[in-house]
Amino acid sequence: MDAKRPVVYICSKYRGDVKANTEMARRYCRFAVDQGCVPIAPHLLLPQFMDEETERELALSIGIALL
């Protein structure tokens, strides 16, 4: 594997239909990998340990920091 793959930030909807939106984000990430990139998708990672309802602003600021 090439260690110099470009990193891409995956930005897509999360709120609303979370299940469908999460699936689309996963597809976007897979597409990025297939194109030779390293996807960064905070909205797939952060909900694993943060609460969307009470920590949304913090999660958004973390996403911006990653960007």
Protein backbone atom coordinates (compact mmCIF):
# COMPACT_ATOMS: atom_id res chain seq x y z
CA MET A 1 0.00 0.00 0.00
CA ASP A 2 1.20 3.47 -0.86
CA ALA A 3 1.83 5.50 2.31
CA LYS A 4 1.38 8.71 0.31
CA ARG A 5 -2.31 8.36 -0.40
CA PRO A 6 -4.16 11.69 -0.30
CA VAL A 7 -6.43 12.26 2.69
CA VAL A 8 -10.00 13.34 1.85
CA TYR A 9 -12.57 14.73 4.24
CA ILE A 10 -15.98 13.13 3.71
CA CYS A 11 -18.76 15.65 4.31
CA SER A 12 -22.34 14.45 4.04
CA LYS A 13 -25.65 14.60 5.91
CA TYR A 14 -26.02 12.89 9.28
CA ARG A 15 -29.16 14.34 10.89
CA GLY A 16 -32.62 13.34 9.75
CA ASP A 17 -32.59 9.80 8.43
CA VAL A 18 -29.47 8.79 10.36
CA LYS A 19 -29.52 5.20 9.14
CA ALA A 20 -29.70 6.11 5.45
CA ASN A 21 -27.31 9.03 5.83
CA THR A 22 -24.78 6.84 7.62
CA GLU A 23 -24.99 4.26 4.87
CA MET A 24 -24.36 6.94 2.23
CA ALA A 25 -21.33 8.21 4.17
CA ARG A 26 -19.98 4.67 4.28
CA ARG A 27 -20.41 4.42 0.50
CA TYR A 28 -18.60 7.72 -0.01
CA CYS A 29 -15.74 6.44 2.16
CA ARG A 30 -15.56 3.19 0.22
CA PHE A 31 -15.48 5.17 -3.04
CA ALA A 32 -12.60 7.28 -1.69
CA VAL A 33 -10.64 4.14 -0.79
CA ASP A 34 -11.31 2.67 -4.22
CA GLN A 35 -9.92 5.88 -5.74
CA GLY A 36 -6.71 5.52 -3.73
CA CYS A 37 -7.54 7.99 -0.95
CA VAL A 38 -7.71 7.86 2.83
CA PRO A 39 -11.21 8.98 3.91
CA ILE A 40 -11.79 10.94 7.11
CA ALA A 41 -15.49 10.92 8.10
CA PRO A 42 -15.98 12.35 11.61
CA HIS A 43 -19.74 11.81 11.42
CA LEU A 44 -19.12 8.05 11.24
CA LEU A 45 -16.62 8.04 14.09
CA LEU A 46 -17.86 10.58 16.63
CA PRO A 47 -21.40 9.19 17.13
CA GLN A 48 -19.75 6.00 18.39
CA PHE A 49 -18.90 7.77 21.65
CA MET A 50 -20.66 11.16 21.57
CA ASP A 51 -24.34 12.07 21.85
CA GLU A 52 -25.73 13.95 18.84
CA GLU A 53 -28.41 15.66 20.90
CA THR A 54 -26.28 16.98 23.76
CA GLU A 55 -22.81 17.22 22.20
CA ARG A 56 -23.53 18.33 18.64
CA GLU A 57 -21.61 21.60 18.83
CA LEU A 58 -18.57 19.88 20.33
CA ALA A 59 -18.70 17.18 17.63
CA LEU A 60 -18.92 19.84 14.92
CA SER A 61 -15.90 21.66 16.35
CA ILE A 62 -13.93 18.40 16.41
CA GLY A 63 -14.87 17.82 12.78
CA ILE A 64 -13.64 21.30 11.87
CA ALA A 65 -10.37 20.64 13.72
CA LEU A 66 -9.89 17.47 11.67
CA LEU A 67 -10.60 19.39 8.49
